Amino acid sequence: MNEPLIPGGCILLARKVIESSIWEKPPLYIKVWVYLLSKAQHKPYKGLRRGQLYTSIPEIIDNCKWRVGARWEKPTKDQIFNIIEWLRNPEKGDSESNAKATRKQRESNAGTTMITTTKATHGYLITIDNYGFYQTFDNYESNGESNDENDMAPSRDPHGTPTNPDNTNKNDKNDKKKTSSRQRKAYAEDSRPYKLAVYLHEKIMSFAGALGLAHLVEGANIQSWADDCRKLLELDKRDPQEVKRVIDWATADPFWQQNILSPASLRKKYTELAVKAAGKSKPVKRTGALEDKNAEAKQKIRELMELERGGSQEALSDNAEHV
């Protein structure tokens, strides 16, 4: 019997969080961080982009309180303000609060921010930086690759010396196997499939930006796209230059640009698109009645992009059957 769905949806939290600088901060820091992640929009809604939320310090105080026996304890305004400032610039916060911060910690925080804030009428507009990347499941290794109890990485003391040396050699071999496995899945940036994936992504970004929807495709998994491009070139035997011409035509056409939002959809409709492009059928300009359908086009692109994101993991799994 199927279990009922858990209401309210979910957020993704990387296992690596326990190795990050926020894990070394007081517990209230991670609590506020999880609260912000949970309240951020998973998809555009009422003027908010994906990964954004409106909030205020009093609201964070009220939602991050905790029980001590029968009474509630609340964080102070200064505590929440300091946490928000640290999330805006972890490197600066650590250097000011701990002059003896480790080199590893300083390097891991270098040039990074976790949130961007803008003052709003009653508080802040907070944008979670790189929300689209970290909240996309396809950007993570599978649990089998990274969390197998039988091939855990050796624990180390503060000086980096393994504390369980018996497992070191075993883990070195496992690490090499994992690296080799990941390399077989990855496409170099100068490879033809990767370049073609980037080319299509840039074309989609250009018209999505004109519609104010660029944020929907910013977090696309280019490695997954590159794998679909490889199938298009190697399995379907498509000419790279012809593929580019088809992409140019399809992403300029008002109808097809709403339907070709990934290499998978391009591959599915390729024959039809190639025939139209070869016939030098010029894309219809968006004028008159087509202009009136702008809002409808935006909604359709939103829905299709969500479906594409949901299907990207399946697309990657298909790789094993075709290689």
Protein backbone atom coordinates (compact mmCIF):
# COMPACT_ATOMS: atom_id res chain seq x y z
CA MET A 1 0.00 0.00 0.00
CA ASN A 2 1.37 3.42 -0.95
CA GLU A 3 2.25 5.73 1.89
CA PRO A 4 0.49 9.14 1.89
CA LEU A 5 2.51 12.06 0.57
CA ILE A 6 4.13 14.31 3.16
CA PRO A 7 2.44 17.72 2.96
CA GLY A 8 4.39 20.94 2.44
CA GLY A 9 7.06 19.61 0.08
CA CYS A 10 10.74 19.38 1.01
CA ILE A 11 14.14 21.04 0.72
CA LEU A 12 17.49 19.44 -0.12
CA LEU A 13 20.29 19.63 2.43
CA ALA A 14 23.71 18.45 1.31
CA ARG A 15 25.48 15.95 3.57
CA LYS A 16 28.56 18.17 3.19
CA VAL A 17 26.86 20.72 5.46
CA ILE A 18 28.50 19.02 8.44
CA GLU A 19 31.89 19.94 6.95
CA SER A 20 30.97 23.55 6.24
CA SER A 21 31.69 26.66 8.27
CA ILE A 22 28.08 27.08 9.42
CA TRP A 23 28.37 23.76 11.26
CA GLU A 24 31.11 25.31 13.41
CA LYS A 25 28.87 28.21 14.43
CA PRO A 26 26.43 28.19 17.39
CA PRO A 27 23.31 26.04 16.79
CA LEU A 28 21.10 29.07 16.16
CA TYR A 29 22.93 29.72 12.88
CA ILE A 30 21.94 26.42 11.26
CA LYS A 31 18.41 26.79 12.63
CA VAL A 32 17.98 30.19 10.96
CA TRP A 33 19.55 28.86 7.75
CA VAL A 34 17.14 25.91 7.57
CA TYR A 35 14.24 28.26 8.31
CA LEU A 36 15.19 30.52 5.39
CA LEU A 37 15.60 27.54 3.05
CA SER A 38 12.19 26.21 4.10
CA LYS A 39 10.40 29.53 3.57
CA ALA A 40 12.02 30.39 0.21
CA GLN A 41 9.87 29.95 -2.89
CA HIS A 42 10.47 26.67 -4.69
CA LYS A 43 8.99 28.19 -7.85
CA PRO A 44 7.98 31.74 -8.89
CA TYR A 45 4.98 33.05 -6.98
CA LYS A 46 3.44 36.51 -6.61
CA GLY A 47 6.48 38.43 -7.80
CA LEU A 48 9.01 36.30 -5.94
CA ARG A 49 11.57 34.33 -7.90
CA ARG A 50 12.68 30.82 -7.05
CA GLY A 51 14.80 30.96 -3.89
CA GLN A 52 13.38 34.27 -2.62
CA LEU A 53 11.31 35.19 0.43
CA TYR A 54 10.07 38.21 2.32
CA THR A 55 10.78 38.17 6.04
CA SER A 56 11.84 40.35 8.95
CA ILE A 57 13.96 40.04 12.06
CA PRO A 58 10.88 39.87 14.38
CA GLU A 59 9.42 37.11 12.19
CA ILE A 60 12.67 35.12 12.29
CA ILE A 61 12.85 35.59 16.07
CA ASP A 62 9.32 34.23 16.50
CA ASN A 63 9.87 31.24 14.21
CA CYS A 64 13.28 30.26 15.58
CA LYS A 65 12.38 30.24 19.27
CA TRP A 66 12.78 27.07 21.34
CA ARG A 67 11.37 25.49 24.46
CA VAL A 68 13.15 25.30 27.80
CA GLY A 69 10.89 23.22 29.97
CA ALA A 70 7.47 24.87 29.90
CA ARG A 71 8.63 28.29 28.70
CA TRP A 72 9.75 29.67 25.36
CA GLU A 73 13.18 31.14 24.81
CA LYS A 74 13.60 33.61 21.97
CA PRO A 75 16.80 34.75 20.26
CA THR A 76 17.60 38.43 20.58
CA LYS A 77 17.35 40.97 17.80
CA ASP A 78 21.14 41.34 17.82
CA GLN A 79 21.65 37.59 17.48
CA ILE A 80 19.42 37.37 14.40
CA PHE A 81 20.95 40.50 12.89
CA ASN A 82 24.46 39.07 13.33
CA ILE A 83 23.41 35.76 11.74
CA ILE A 84 21.92 37.55 8.73
CA GLU A 85 25.13 39.57 8.37
CA TRP A 86 27.22 36.41 8.56
CA LEU A 87 25.09 34.65 5.92
CA ARG A 88 25.62 37.67 3.66
CA ASN A 89 29.40 37.35 4.02
CA PRO A 90 30.68 34.26 5.89
CA GLU A 91 34.32 35.09 5.16
CA LYS A 92 34.10 38.55 6.72
CA GLY A 93 32.10 37.29 9.68
CA ASP A 94 34.59 34.56 10.50
CA SER A 95 37.62 36.83 10.17
CA GLU A 96 36.10 39.39 12.53
CA SER A 97 34.83 36.93 15.11
CA ASN A 98 37.75 34.49 15.06
CA ALA A 99 41.16 35.81 14.16
CA LYS A 100 42.53 32.27 14.46
CA ALA A 101 40.19 30.76 11.86
CA THR A 102 41.73 27.77 10.13
CA ARG A 103 43.21 28.10 6.68
CA LYS A 104 40.78 25.47 5.38
CA GLN A 105 37.82 27.46 6.72
CA ARG A 106 39.04 30.72 5.19
CA GLU A 107 39.61 29.05 1.82
CA SER A 108 36.22 27.34 1.81
CA ASN A 109 34.47 30.65 2.48
CA ALA A 110 36.56 32.75 0.08
CA GLY A 111 34.39 34.76 -2.27
CA THR A 112 31.18 33.03 -1.16
CA THR A 113 27.88 34.41 0.03
CA MET A 114 24.88 32.44 1.17
CA ILE A 115 22.19 35.10 0.86
CA THR A 116 21.63 38.50 -0.69
CA THR A 117 19.34 40.94 1.10
CA THR A 118 17.38 43.95 -0.08
CA LYS A 119 15.47 46.23 2.27
CA ALA A 120 11.70 45.95 1.88
CA THR A 121 8.80 47.88 3.42
CA HIS A 122 8.51 45.70 6.52
CA GLY A 123 11.79 43.82 6.56
CA TYR A 124 13.96 42.09 3.96
CA LEU A 125 13.69 40.56 0.54
CA ILE A 126 16.13 37.65 0.91
CA THR A 127 17.53 35.75 -2.06
CA ILE A 128 19.17 32.39 -1.33
CA ASP A 129 22.30 32.40 -3.49
CA ASN A 130 22.61 29.43 -5.90
CA TYR A 131 19.24 28.11 -4.70
CA GLY A 132 18.49 26.59 -8.10
CA PHE A 133 21.75 24.63 -8.09
CA TYR A 134 21.61 23.30 -4.52
CA GLN A 135 17.88 22.51 -4.66
CA THR A 136 18.20 20.43 -7.84
CA PHE A 137 18.51 16.73 -7.03
CA ASP A 138 20.44 15.90 -10.22
CA ASN A 139 23.39 17.99 -9.03
CA TYR A 140 24.13 15.53 -6.20
CA GLU A 141 25.92 12.21 -6.18
CA SER A 142 23.71 9.25 -5.38
CA ASN A 143 23.80 7.94 -1.84
CA GLY A 144 25.56 4.82 -3.11
CA GLU A 145 28.46 6.92 -4.36
CA SER A 146 28.98 9.03 -1.29
CA ASN A 147 27.52 7.40 1.80
CA ASP A 148 28.35 3.70 1.77
CA GLU A 149 29.26 2.59 5.30
CA ASN A 150 31.69 0.01 3.91
CA ASP A 151 33.88 2.56 2.14
CA MET A 152 33.80 5.60 4.36
CA ALA A 153 36.65 8.07 4.01
CA PRO A 154 39.17 7.83 6.87
CA SER A 155 38.51 10.18 9.75
CA ARG A 156 41.30 12.63 10.50
CA ASP A 157 42.52 14.57 13.50
CA PRO A 158 42.87 18.40 13.36
CA HIS A 159 46.29 17.96 11.71
CA GLY A 160 44.92 15.82 8.87
CA THR A 161 46.38 12.51 10.12
CA PRO A 162 44.07 9.48 9.57
CA THR A 163 42.70 8.14 12.86
CA ASN A 164 41.61 4.83 11.29
CA PRO A 165 44.65 3.89 9.15
CA ASP A 166 43.39 0.34 8.56
CA ASN A 167 40.79 1.74 6.18
CA THR A 168 43.07 4.19 4.40
CA ASN A 169 44.32 1.96 1.59
CA LYS A 170 40.86 0.53 1.04
CA ASN A 171 39.38 3.99 0.81
CA ASP A 172 42.10 5.18 -1.57
CA LYS A 173 41.11 2.39 -3.98
CA ASN A 174 37.42 3.20 -3.58
CA ASP A 175 38.08 6.89 -4.18
CA LYS A 176 39.85 6.04 -7.45
CA LYS A 177 36.94 3.85 -8.52
CA LYS A 178 34.45 6.62 -7.71
CA THR A 179 36.51 9.21 -9.53
CA SER A 180 36.72 6.98 -12.58
CA SER A 181 32.95 6.41 -12.49
CA ARG A 182 32.22 10.13 -12.25
CA GLN A 183 34.65 10.88 -15.07
CA ARG A 184 32.77 8.51 -17.38
CA LYS A 185 29.59 10.49 -16.70
CA ALA A 186 31.15 13.94 -17.00
CA TYR A 187 31.67 15.88 -20.22
CA ALA A 188 34.61 18.22 -20.62
CA GLU A 189 33.74 21.84 -21.32
CA ASP A 190 35.54 21.68 -24.67
CA SER A 191 33.71 18.52 -25.78
CA ARG A 192 31.21 18.80 -28.63
CA PRO A 193 28.16 17.61 -26.61
CA TYR A 194 28.94 20.07 -23.80
CA LYS A 195 29.46 22.99 -26.19
CA LEU A 196 26.19 22.18 -27.94
CA ALA A 197 24.37 22.00 -24.60
CA VAL A 198 25.75 25.41 -23.63
CA TYR A 199 24.77 26.81 -27.05
CA LEU A 200 21.16 25.64 -26.63
CA HIS A 201 21.08 26.89 -23.03
CA GLU A 202 22.23 30.36 -24.09
CA LYS A 203 19.61 30.49 -26.83
CA ILE A 204 16.84 29.51 -24.40
CA MET A 205 18.14 32.01 -21.84
CA SER A 206 17.94 34.82 -24.40
CA PHE A 207 14.22 34.50 -25.07
CA ALA A 208 13.39 33.43 -21.52
CA GLY A 209 15.11 36.62 -20.37
CA ALA A 210 12.97 38.67 -22.74
CA LEU A 211 9.91 37.14 -21.07
CA GLY A 212 11.33 37.70 -17.58
CA LEU A 213 11.75 33.96 -17.01
CA ALA A 214 15.54 33.53 -17.17
CA HIS A 215 15.60 32.35 -13.55
CA LEU A 216 13.70 29.21 -14.59
CA VAL A 217 16.58 27.91 -16.71
CA GLU A 218 19.59 29.30 -14.82
CA GLY A 219 19.86 26.12 -12.73
CA ALA A 220 19.80 23.71 -15.69
CA ASN A 221 22.05 20.64 -15.31
CA ILE A 222 24.43 21.17 -18.24
CA GLN A 223 26.01 17.74 -17.77
CA SER A 224 22.61 16.12 -18.22
CA TRP A 225 21.96 18.33 -21.24
CA ALA A 226 25.35 17.35 -22.69
CA ASP A 227 24.42 13.68 -22.37
CA ASP A 228 21.25 14.25 -24.40
CA CYS A 229 23.29 16.17 -26.97
CA ARG A 230 25.69 13.22 -27.21
CA LYS A 231 22.74 10.93 -27.96
CA LEU A 232 21.53 13.35 -30.61
CA LEU A 233 24.95 13.39 -32.30
CA GLU A 234 26.17 9.81 -31.81
CA LEU A 235 23.05 7.66 -31.60
CA ASP A 236 20.83 9.67 -33.94
CA LYS A 237 23.75 10.51 -36.28
CA ARG A 238 22.83 14.22 -36.54
CA ASP A 239 25.26 16.67 -38.11
CA PRO A 240 26.50 19.22 -35.51
CA GLN A 241 26.16 22.20 -37.86
CA GLU A 242 22.67 21.14 -38.86
CA VAL A 243 21.75 20.80 -35.19
CA LYS A 244 22.89 24.37 -34.58
CA ARG A 245 20.78 25.62 -37.49
CA VAL A 246 17.76 23.78 -36.12
CA ILE A 247 18.38 25.27 -32.67
CA ASP A 248 18.63 28.76 -34.18
CA TRP A 249 15.36 28.30 -36.02
CA ALA A 250 13.41 26.65 -33.19
CA THR A 251 14.47 29.14 -30.50
CA ALA A 252 13.49 32.06 -32.73
CA ASP A 253 10.03 30.69 -33.54
CA PRO A 254 7.29 31.93 -31.13
CA PHE A 255 5.61 28.51 -31.04
CA TRP A 256 8.60 26.18 -30.88
CA GLN A 257 10.61 28.27 -28.42
CA GLN A 258 7.92 27.49 -25.85
CA ASN A 259 8.22 23.76 -26.50
CA ILE A 260 11.96 23.22 -27.03
CA LEU A 261 13.29 23.87 -23.54
CA SER A 262 15.97 21.18 -23.31
CA PRO A 263 18.03 18.84 -25.51
CA ALA A 264 15.59 16.03 -24.65
CA SER A 265 12.66 17.90 -26.19
CA LEU A 266 14.85 18.99 -29.11
CA ARG A 267 15.79 15.37 -29.80
CA LYS A 268 12.17 14.22 -29.59
CA LYS A 269 10.96 16.75 -32.16
CA TYR A 270 14.16 16.97 -34.18
CA THR A 271 12.91 15.51 -37.49
CA GLU A 272 9.92 17.82 -37.63
CA LEU A 273 12.05 20.83 -36.72
CA ALA A 274 14.75 19.95 -39.24
CA VAL A 275 12.19 19.75 -42.04
CA LYS A 276 10.76 23.16 -41.15
CA ALA A 277 14.21 24.71 -40.79
CA ALA A 278 15.41 23.20 -44.07
CA GLY A 279 12.35 24.67 -45.80
CA LYS A 280 13.61 28.06 -44.68
CA SER A 281 10.34 28.72 -42.97
CA LYS A 282 10.92 32.03 -41.28
CA PRO A 283 9.81 32.35 -37.65
CA VAL A 284 6.66 34.41 -37.27
CA LYS A 285 7.23 37.69 -35.48
CA ARG A 286 5.41 38.17 -32.22
CA THR A 287 2.92 40.86 -33.20
CA GLY A 288 -0.80 41.53 -32.87
CA ALA A 289 -2.64 38.48 -31.49
CA LEU A 290 0.64 36.73 -30.69
CA GLU A 291 1.63 39.59 -28.42
CA ASP A 292 -1.62 39.11 -26.52
CA LYS A 293 -0.57 35.53 -25.78
CA ASN A 294 2.58 36.60 -23.96
CA ALA A 295 1.18 35.80 -20.51
CA GLU A 296 0.03 32.38 -21.69
CA ALA A 297 3.49 31.67 -23.11
CA LYS A 298 5.13 32.56 -19.79
CA GLN A 299 2.89 30.15 -17.89
CA LYS A 300 3.55 27.36 -20.37
CA ILE A 301 7.30 27.84 -20.13
CA ARG A 302 7.09 27.68 -16.33
CA GLU A 303 5.17 24.39 -16.45
CA LEU A 304 7.44 22.83 -19.06
CA MET A 305 10.62 23.81 -17.21
CA GLU A 306 9.32 22.18 -14.03
CA LEU A 307 8.58 19.01 -16.01
CA GLU A 308 12.05 19.13 -17.60
CA ARG A 309 13.70 19.43 -14.20
CA GLY A 310 11.70 16.50 -12.91
CA GLY A 311 12.71 14.35 -15.89
CA SER A 312 16.43 15.13 -15.96
CA GLN A 313 17.32 12.36 -13.53
CA GLU A 314 15.52 9.82 -15.75
CA ALA A 315 17.44 11.13 -18.75
CA LEU A 316 20.75 10.47 -17.02
CA SER A 317 19.75 6.93 -16.07
CA ASP A 318 19.02 6.19 -19.73
CA ASN A 319 22.72 6.73 -20.46
CA ALA A 320 23.65 3.26 -19.24
CA GLU A 321 21.32 1.62 -21.75
CA HIS A 322 22.75 3.42 -24.76
CA VAL A 323 26.48 3.56 -24.02
